[in-house]
Full PDB file with SEQRES, HELIX, SHEET, SSBOND, CRYST1, ORIGX, SCALE, CONECT and MASTER records, all heavy atoms in Angstrom:
SEQRES   1 A   32  PHE SER ARG GLY GLY ALA THR LEU ALA CYS ALA ALA GLY          
SEQRES   2 A   32  VAL PRO VAL LEU PRO ILE ALA HIS ASN ALA ALA THR CYS          
SEQRES   3 A   32  TRP PRO THR HIS THR TRP                                      
HELIX    1 AA1 GLY A    4  ALA A   12  1                                   9    
HELIX    2 AA2 ALA A   23  THR A   25  5                                   3    
CRYST1    1.000    1.000    1.000  90.00  90.00  90.00 P 1           1          
ORIGX1      1.000000  0.000000  0.000000        0.00000                         
ORIGX2      0.000000  1.000000  0.000000        0.00000                         
ORIGX3      0.000000  0.000000  1.000000        0.00000                         
SCALE1      1.000000  0.000000  0.000000        0.00000                         
SCALE2      0.000000  1.000000  0.000000        0.00000                         
SCALE3      0.000000  0.000000  1.000000        0.00000                         
ATOM      1  N   PHE A   1       0.791  -1.198  -0.031  1.00  0.00           N  
ATOM      2  CA  PHE A   1       0.025  -0.009   0.017  1.00  0.00           C  
ATOM      3  C   PHE A   1       0.896   1.273  -0.019  1.00  0.00           C  
ATOM      4  O   PHE A   1       1.715   1.401   0.876  1.00  0.00           O  
ATOM      5  CB  PHE A   1      -0.867   0.036   1.272  1.00  0.00           C  
ATOM      6  CG  PHE A   1      -2.219  -0.637   1.080  1.00  0.00           C  
ATOM      7  CD1 PHE A   1      -2.351  -1.769   0.315  1.00  0.00           C  
ATOM      8  CD2 PHE A   1      -3.342  -0.149   1.684  1.00  0.00           C  
ATOM      9  CE1 PHE A   1      -3.610  -2.395   0.131  1.00  0.00           C  
ATOM     10  CE2 PHE A   1      -4.575  -0.771   1.603  1.00  0.00           C  
ATOM     11  CZ  PHE A   1      -4.692  -1.901   0.807  1.00  0.00           C  
ATOM     12  N   SER A   2       0.649   2.107  -1.005  1.00  0.00           N  
ATOM     13  CA  SER A   2       1.246   3.462  -0.887  1.00  0.00           C  
ATOM     14  C   SER A   2       0.462   4.274   0.134  1.00  0.00           C  
ATOM     15  O   SER A   2      -0.647   3.927   0.457  1.00  0.00           O  
ATOM     16  CB  SER A   2       1.160   4.174  -2.271  1.00  0.00           C  
ATOM     17  OG  SER A   2      -0.157   4.518  -2.541  1.00  0.00           O  
ATOM     18  N   ARG A   3       1.062   5.332   0.650  1.00  0.00           N  
ATOM     19  CA  ARG A   3       0.482   6.108   1.686  1.00  0.00           C  
ATOM     20  C   ARG A   3      -0.336   7.347   1.142  1.00  0.00           C  
ATOM     21  O   ARG A   3      -0.815   8.126   1.939  1.00  0.00           O  
ATOM     22  CB  ARG A   3       1.455   6.562   2.661  1.00  0.00           C  
ATOM     23  CG  ARG A   3       2.111   5.467   3.428  1.00  0.00           C  
ATOM     24  CD  ARG A   3       3.045   5.944   4.584  1.00  0.00           C  
ATOM     25  NE  ARG A   3       3.691   4.847   5.251  1.00  0.00           N  
ATOM     26  CZ  ARG A   3       4.551   4.986   6.271  1.00  0.00           C  
ATOM     27  NH1 ARG A   3       4.853   6.166   6.647  1.00  0.00           N  
ATOM     28  NH2 ARG A   3       5.034   3.941   6.858  1.00  0.00           N  
ATOM     29  N   GLY A   4      -0.466   7.372  -0.150  1.00  0.00           N  
ATOM     30  CA  GLY A   4      -1.141   8.593  -0.709  1.00  0.00           C  
ATOM     31  C   GLY A   4      -2.538   8.783  -0.239  1.00  0.00           C  
ATOM     32  O   GLY A   4      -2.917   9.929   0.119  1.00  0.00           O  
ATOM     33  N   GLY A   5      -3.313   7.737  -0.248  1.00  0.00           N  
ATOM     34  CA  GLY A   5      -4.699   7.866   0.196  1.00  0.00           C  
ATOM     35  C   GLY A   5      -4.821   8.250   1.692  1.00  0.00           C  
ATOM     36  O   GLY A   5      -5.639   9.101   2.049  1.00  0.00           O  
ATOM     37  N   ALA A   6      -4.025   7.636   2.513  1.00  0.00           N  
ATOM     38  CA  ALA A   6      -4.037   7.948   3.906  1.00  0.00           C  
ATOM     39  C   ALA A   6      -3.548   9.358   4.183  1.00  0.00           C  
ATOM     40  O   ALA A   6      -4.039  10.101   5.015  1.00  0.00           O  
ATOM     41  CB  ALA A   6      -3.172   6.972   4.690  1.00  0.00           C  
ATOM     42  N   THR A   7      -2.505   9.792   3.387  1.00  0.00           N  
ATOM     43  CA  THR A   7      -2.009  11.175   3.507  1.00  0.00           C  
ATOM     44  C   THR A   7      -3.060  12.165   3.209  1.00  0.00           C  
ATOM     45  O   THR A   7      -3.213  13.184   3.904  1.00  0.00           O  
ATOM     46  CB  THR A   7      -0.731  11.365   2.627  1.00  0.00           C  
ATOM     47  OG1 THR A   7       0.242  10.372   3.004  1.00  0.00           O  
ATOM     48  CG2 THR A   7      -0.177  12.749   2.764  1.00  0.00           C  
ATOM     49  N   LEU A   8      -3.800  11.910   2.090  1.00  0.00           N  
ATOM     50  CA  LEU A   8      -4.820  12.845   1.701  1.00  0.00           C  
ATOM     51  C   LEU A   8      -5.942  12.894   2.735  1.00  0.00           C  
ATOM     52  O   LEU A   8      -6.399  14.000   3.081  1.00  0.00           O  
ATOM     53  CB  LEU A   8      -5.423  12.421   0.365  1.00  0.00           C  
ATOM     54  CG  LEU A   8      -6.685  13.121  -0.140  1.00  0.00           C  
ATOM     55  CD1 LEU A   8      -6.382  14.656  -0.268  1.00  0.00           C  
ATOM     56  CD2 LEU A   8      -7.152  12.564  -1.458  1.00  0.00           C  
ATOM     57  N   ALA A   9      -6.343  11.767   3.237  1.00  0.00           N  
ATOM     58  CA  ALA A   9      -7.428  11.689   4.241  1.00  0.00           C  
ATOM     59  C   ALA A   9      -7.005  12.469   5.506  1.00  0.00           C  
ATOM     60  O   ALA A   9      -7.795  13.233   6.008  1.00  0.00           O  
ATOM     61  CB  ALA A   9      -7.781  10.238   4.586  1.00  0.00           C  
ATOM     62  N   CYS A  10      -5.787  12.304   5.928  1.00  0.00           N  
ATOM     63  CA  CYS A  10      -5.301  13.010   7.101  1.00  0.00           C  
ATOM     64  C   CYS A  10      -5.188  14.492   6.840  1.00  0.00           C  
ATOM     65  O   CYS A  10      -5.588  15.349   7.646  1.00  0.00           O  
ATOM     66  CB  CYS A  10      -3.949  12.449   7.553  1.00  0.00           C  
ATOM     67  SG  CYS A  10      -3.986  10.814   8.310  1.00  0.00           S  
ATOM     68  N   ALA A  11      -4.698  14.864   5.641  1.00  0.00           N  
ATOM     69  CA  ALA A  11      -4.587  16.311   5.362  1.00  0.00           C  
ATOM     70  C   ALA A  11      -5.895  17.000   5.274  1.00  0.00           C  
ATOM     71  O   ALA A  11      -6.069  18.188   5.652  1.00  0.00           O  
ATOM     72  CB  ALA A  11      -3.784  16.470   4.048  1.00  0.00           C  
ATOM     73  N   ALA A  12      -6.930  16.263   4.698  1.00  0.00           N  
ATOM     74  CA  ALA A  12      -8.229  16.853   4.510  1.00  0.00           C  
ATOM     75  C   ALA A  12      -9.154  16.661   5.709  1.00  0.00           C  
ATOM     76  O   ALA A  12     -10.217  17.272   5.765  1.00  0.00           O  
ATOM     77  CB  ALA A  12      -8.897  16.234   3.241  1.00  0.00           C  
ATOM     78  N   GLY A  13      -8.702  15.846   6.652  1.00  0.00           N  
ATOM     79  CA  GLY A  13      -9.523  15.595   7.854  1.00  0.00           C  
ATOM     80  C   GLY A  13     -10.821  14.835   7.540  1.00  0.00           C  
ATOM     81  O   GLY A  13     -11.871  15.031   8.146  1.00  0.00           O  
ATOM     82  N   VAL A  14     -10.747  13.881   6.582  1.00  0.00           N  
ATOM     83  CA  VAL A  14     -11.885  13.062   6.237  1.00  0.00           C  
ATOM     84  C   VAL A  14     -11.553  11.575   6.451  1.00  0.00           C  
ATOM     85  O   VAL A  14     -10.332  11.184   6.427  1.00  0.00           O  
ATOM     86  CB  VAL A  14     -12.356  13.298   4.770  1.00  0.00           C  
ATOM     87  CG1 VAL A  14     -12.708  14.821   4.549  1.00  0.00           C  
ATOM     88  CG2 VAL A  14     -11.232  12.865   3.804  1.00  0.00           C  
ATOM     89  N   PRO A  15     -12.533  10.733   6.629  1.00  0.00           N  
ATOM     90  CA  PRO A  15     -12.278   9.283   6.759  1.00  0.00           C  
ATOM     91  C   PRO A  15     -11.934   8.621   5.430  1.00  0.00           C  
ATOM     92  O   PRO A  15     -12.101   9.155   4.353  1.00  0.00           O  
ATOM     93  CB  PRO A  15     -13.558   8.749   7.338  1.00  0.00           C  
ATOM     94  CG  PRO A  15     -14.665   9.693   6.895  1.00  0.00           C  
ATOM     95  CD  PRO A  15     -13.988  11.077   6.800  1.00  0.00           C  
ATOM     96  N   VAL A  16     -11.485   7.399   5.556  1.00  0.00           N  
ATOM     97  CA  VAL A  16     -11.274   6.505   4.397  1.00  0.00           C  
ATOM     98  C   VAL A  16     -12.378   5.470   4.412  1.00  0.00           C  
ATOM     99  O   VAL A  16     -12.692   4.941   5.451  1.00  0.00           O  
ATOM    100  CB  VAL A  16      -9.895   5.805   4.498  1.00  0.00           C  
ATOM    101  CG1 VAL A  16      -9.798   4.730   3.483  1.00  0.00           C  
ATOM    102  CG2 VAL A  16      -8.784   6.797   4.303  1.00  0.00           C  
ATOM    103  N   LEU A  17     -12.930   5.238   3.249  1.00  0.00           N  
ATOM    104  CA  LEU A  17     -13.927   4.239   3.038  1.00  0.00           C  
ATOM    105  C   LEU A  17     -13.230   2.991   2.357  1.00  0.00           C  
ATOM    106  O   LEU A  17     -12.914   3.086   1.210  1.00  0.00           O  
ATOM    107  CB  LEU A  17     -15.074   4.698   2.139  1.00  0.00           C  
ATOM    108  CG  LEU A  17     -16.258   3.735   1.952  1.00  0.00           C  
ATOM    109  CD1 LEU A  17     -17.036   3.592   3.311  1.00  0.00           C  
ATOM    110  CD2 LEU A  17     -17.223   4.187   0.924  1.00  0.00           C  
ATOM    111  N   PRO A  18     -12.998   1.904   3.144  1.00  0.00           N  
ATOM    112  CA  PRO A  18     -12.286   0.781   2.557  1.00  0.00           C  
ATOM    113  C   PRO A  18     -13.242  -0.161   1.744  1.00  0.00           C  
ATOM    114  O   PRO A  18     -14.347  -0.423   2.197  1.00  0.00           O  
ATOM    115  CB  PRO A  18     -11.662   0.102   3.767  1.00  0.00           C  
ATOM    116  CG  PRO A  18     -12.676   0.336   4.856  1.00  0.00           C  
ATOM    117  CD  PRO A  18     -13.272   1.733   4.515  1.00  0.00           C  
ATOM    118  N   ILE A  19     -12.712  -0.678   0.661  1.00  0.00           N  
ATOM    119  CA  ILE A  19     -13.596  -1.560  -0.159  1.00  0.00           C  
ATOM    120  C   ILE A  19     -12.720  -2.773  -0.621  1.00  0.00           C  
ATOM    121  O   ILE A  19     -11.671  -2.590  -1.191  1.00  0.00           O  
ATOM    122  CB  ILE A  19     -14.138  -0.838  -1.402  1.00  0.00           C  
ATOM    123  CG1 ILE A  19     -15.093   0.317  -0.939  1.00  0.00           C  
ATOM    124  CG2 ILE A  19     -14.894  -1.814  -2.317  1.00  0.00           C  
ATOM    125  CD1 ILE A  19     -15.688   1.070  -2.103  1.00  0.00           C  
ATOM    126  N   ALA A  20     -13.264  -3.940  -0.375  1.00  0.00           N  
ATOM    127  CA  ALA A  20     -12.578  -5.181  -0.803  1.00  0.00           C  
ATOM    128  C   ALA A  20     -13.524  -5.874  -1.785  1.00  0.00           C  
ATOM    129  O   ALA A  20     -14.764  -5.634  -1.861  1.00  0.00           O  
ATOM    130  CB  ALA A  20     -12.328  -6.100   0.364  1.00  0.00           C  
ATOM    131  N   HIS A  21     -12.980  -6.745  -2.630  1.00  0.00           N  
ATOM    132  CA  HIS A  21     -13.797  -7.478  -3.628  1.00  0.00           C  
ATOM    133  C   HIS A  21     -12.980  -8.686  -4.157  1.00  0.00           C  
ATOM    134  O   HIS A  21     -11.740  -8.708  -3.953  1.00  0.00           O  
ATOM    135  CB  HIS A  21     -14.228  -6.551  -4.769  1.00  0.00           C  
ATOM    136  CG  HIS A  21     -13.155  -5.932  -5.490  1.00  0.00           C  
ATOM    137  ND1 HIS A  21     -12.456  -6.561  -6.524  1.00  0.00           N  
ATOM    138  CD2 HIS A  21     -12.530  -4.755  -5.357  1.00  0.00           C  
ATOM    139  CE1 HIS A  21     -11.538  -5.781  -7.005  1.00  0.00           C  
ATOM    140  NE2 HIS A  21     -11.528  -4.689  -6.300  1.00  0.00           N  
ATOM    141  N   ASN A  22     -13.628  -9.466  -4.935  1.00  0.00           N  
ATOM    142  CA  ASN A  22     -12.926 -10.629  -5.538  1.00  0.00           C  
ATOM    143  C   ASN A  22     -13.142 -10.626  -7.036  1.00  0.00           C  
ATOM    144  O   ASN A  22     -13.444 -11.701  -7.656  1.00  0.00           O  
ATOM    145  CB  ASN A  22     -13.346 -11.936  -4.919  1.00  0.00           C  
ATOM    146  CG  ASN A  22     -14.891 -12.151  -5.104  1.00  0.00           C  
ATOM    147  OD1 ASN A  22     -15.647 -11.285  -5.480  1.00  0.00           O  
ATOM    148  ND2 ASN A  22     -15.358 -13.353  -4.764  1.00  0.00           N  
ATOM    149  N   ALA A  23     -13.051  -9.447  -7.721  1.00  0.00           N  
ATOM    150  CA  ALA A  23     -13.365  -9.306  -9.111  1.00  0.00           C  
ATOM    151  C   ALA A  23     -12.538 -10.200  -9.986  1.00  0.00           C  
ATOM    152  O   ALA A  23     -13.024 -10.609 -11.050  1.00  0.00           O  
ATOM    153  CB  ALA A  23     -13.131  -7.838  -9.554  1.00  0.00           C  
ATOM    154  N   ALA A  24     -11.324 -10.577  -9.569  1.00  0.00           N  
ATOM    155  CA  ALA A  24     -10.518 -11.372 -10.436  1.00  0.00           C  
ATOM    156  C   ALA A  24     -10.928 -12.772 -10.611  1.00  0.00           C  
ATOM    157  O   ALA A  24     -10.446 -13.486 -11.524  1.00  0.00           O  
ATOM    158  CB  ALA A  24      -9.027 -11.353  -9.872  1.00  0.00           C  
ATOM    159  N   THR A  25     -11.907 -13.196  -9.805  1.00  0.00           N  
ATOM    160  CA  THR A  25     -12.494 -14.570 -10.034  1.00  0.00           C  
ATOM    161  C   THR A  25     -13.271 -14.624 -11.296  1.00  0.00           C  
ATOM    162  O   THR A  25     -13.372 -15.650 -11.914  1.00  0.00           O  
ATOM    163  CB  THR A  25     -13.362 -14.942  -8.860  1.00  0.00           C  
ATOM    164  OG1 THR A  25     -14.427 -13.983  -8.673  1.00  0.00           O  
ATOM    165  CG2 THR A  25     -12.594 -15.044  -7.580  1.00  0.00           C  
ATOM    166  N   CYS A  26     -13.819 -13.467 -11.719  1.00  0.00           N  
ATOM    167  CA  CYS A  26     -14.600 -13.432 -12.998  1.00  0.00           C  
ATOM    168  C   CYS A  26     -13.846 -12.659 -14.060  1.00  0.00           C  
ATOM    169  O   CYS A  26     -14.051 -12.866 -15.256  1.00  0.00           O  
ATOM    170  CB  CYS A  26     -15.960 -12.805 -12.708  1.00  0.00           C  
ATOM    171  SG  CYS A  26     -17.040 -13.710 -11.662  1.00  0.00           S  
ATOM    172  N   TRP A  27     -13.051 -11.664 -13.588  1.00  0.00           N  
ATOM    173  CA  TRP A  27     -12.383 -10.768 -14.531  1.00  0.00           C  
ATOM    174  C   TRP A  27     -10.888 -10.819 -14.185  1.00  0.00           C  
ATOM    175  O   TRP A  27     -10.392  -9.962 -13.490  1.00  0.00           O  
ATOM    176  CB  TRP A  27     -12.918  -9.338 -14.393  1.00  0.00           C  
ATOM    177  CG  TRP A  27     -12.601  -8.314 -15.390  1.00  0.00           C  
ATOM    178  CD1 TRP A  27     -11.308  -8.010 -15.834  1.00  0.00           C  
ATOM    179  CD2 TRP A  27     -13.541  -7.472 -16.070  1.00  0.00           C  
ATOM    180  NE1 TRP A  27     -11.427  -7.024 -16.811  1.00  0.00           N  
ATOM    181  CE2 TRP A  27     -12.750  -6.675 -16.946  1.00  0.00           C  
ATOM    182  CE3 TRP A  27     -14.877  -7.308 -16.072  1.00  0.00           C  
ATOM    183  CZ2 TRP A  27     -13.319  -5.735 -17.762  1.00  0.00           C  
ATOM    184  CZ3 TRP A  27     -15.434  -6.329 -16.866  1.00  0.00           C  
ATOM    185  CH2 TRP A  27     -14.672  -5.538 -17.704  1.00  0.00           C  
ATOM    186  N   PRO A  28     -10.196 -11.917 -14.601  1.00  0.00           N  
ATOM    187  CA  PRO A  28      -8.810 -12.113 -14.177  1.00  0.00           C  
ATOM    188  C   PRO A  28      -7.858 -11.009 -14.592  1.00  0.00           C  
ATOM    189  O   PRO A  28      -8.087 -10.306 -15.548  1.00  0.00           O  
ATOM    190  CB  PRO A  28      -8.405 -13.426 -14.892  1.00  0.00           C  
ATOM    191  CG  PRO A  28      -9.735 -14.129 -15.228  1.00  0.00           C  
ATOM    192  CD  PRO A  28     -10.673 -12.975 -15.473  1.00  0.00           C  
ATOM    193  N   THR A  29      -6.793 -10.894 -13.819  1.00  0.00           N  
ATOM    194  CA  THR A  29      -5.773  -9.914 -14.028  1.00  0.00           C  
ATOM    195  C   THR A  29      -4.974 -10.227 -15.213  1.00  0.00           C  
ATOM    196  O   THR A  29      -4.603 -11.401 -15.478  1.00  0.00           O  
ATOM    197  CB  THR A  29      -4.850  -9.811 -12.778  1.00  0.00           C  
ATOM    198  OG1 THR A  29      -5.630  -9.673 -11.600  1.00  0.00           O  
ATOM    199  CG2 THR A  29      -3.883  -8.671 -12.906  1.00  0.00           C  
ATOM    200  N   HIS A  30      -4.753  -9.280 -16.069  1.00  0.00           N  
ATOM    201  CA  HIS A  30      -3.782  -9.403 -17.188  1.00  0.00           C  
ATOM    202  C   HIS A  30      -4.230 -10.456 -18.248  1.00  0.00           C  
ATOM    203  O   HIS A  30      -3.331 -11.124 -18.815  1.00  0.00           O  
ATOM    204  CB  HIS A  30      -2.401  -9.678 -16.706  1.00  0.00           C  
ATOM    205  CG  HIS A  30      -1.877  -8.629 -15.740  1.00  0.00           C  
ATOM    206  ND1 HIS A  30      -1.907  -7.229 -16.014  1.00  0.00           N  
ATOM    207  CD2 HIS A  30      -1.332  -8.758 -14.510  1.00  0.00           C  
ATOM    208  CE1 HIS A  30      -1.402  -6.614 -14.948  1.00  0.00           C  
ATOM    209  NE2 HIS A  30      -1.066  -7.453 -14.057  1.00  0.00           N  
ATOM    210  N   THR A  31      -5.497 -10.622 -18.448  1.00  0.00           N  
ATOM    211  CA  THR A  31      -5.977 -11.541 -19.508  1.00  0.00           C  
ATOM    212  C   THR A  31      -7.365 -11.009 -19.971  1.00  0.00           C  
ATOM    213  O   THR A  31      -8.014 -10.321 -19.260  1.00  0.00           O  
ATOM    214  CB  THR A  31      -6.110 -12.968 -18.942  1.00  0.00           C  
ATOM    215  OG1 THR A  31      -6.584 -13.830 -20.080  1.00  0.00           O  
ATOM    216  CG2 THR A  31      -7.125 -13.065 -17.810  1.00  0.00           C  
ATOM    217  N   TRP A  32      -7.667 -11.352 -21.191  1.00  0.00           N  
ATOM    218  CA  TRP A  32      -8.958 -10.884 -21.809  1.00  0.00           C  
ATOM    219  C   TRP A  32     -10.036 -11.756 -21.403  1.00  0.00           C  
ATOM    220  O   TRP A  32     -11.239 -11.298 -21.490  1.00  0.00           O  
ATOM    221  CB  TRP A  32      -8.788 -10.856 -23.317  1.00  0.00           C  
ATOM    222  CG  TRP A  32      -8.601 -12.212 -23.929  1.00  0.00           C  
ATOM    223  CD1 TRP A  32      -7.484 -12.919 -24.021  1.00  0.00           C  
ATOM    224  CD2 TRP A  32      -9.646 -13.044 -24.467  1.00  0.00           C  
ATOM    225  NE1 TRP A  32      -7.700 -14.138 -24.580  1.00  0.00           N  
ATOM    226  CE2 TRP A  32      -9.028 -14.250 -24.880  1.00  0.00           C  
ATOM    227  CE3 TRP A  32     -11.035 -12.864 -24.592  1.00  0.00           C  
ATOM    228  CZ2 TRP A  32      -9.757 -15.247 -25.485  1.00  0.00           C  
ATOM    229  CZ3 TRP A  32     -11.769 -13.906 -25.201  1.00  0.00           C  
ATOM    230  CH2 TRP A  32     -11.072 -15.118 -25.654  1.00  0.00           C  
TER     231      TRP A  32                                                      
MASTER        0    0    0    2    0    0    0    6  230    1    0    3          
END                                                                             
């Protein structure tokens, strides 16, 4: 994880909304 998102959230004083998913099970990485 880069810290860009956390840095922006801290600088702006807003929370982070975390999102997880398993998209690669249907839409695999680096393949058509």
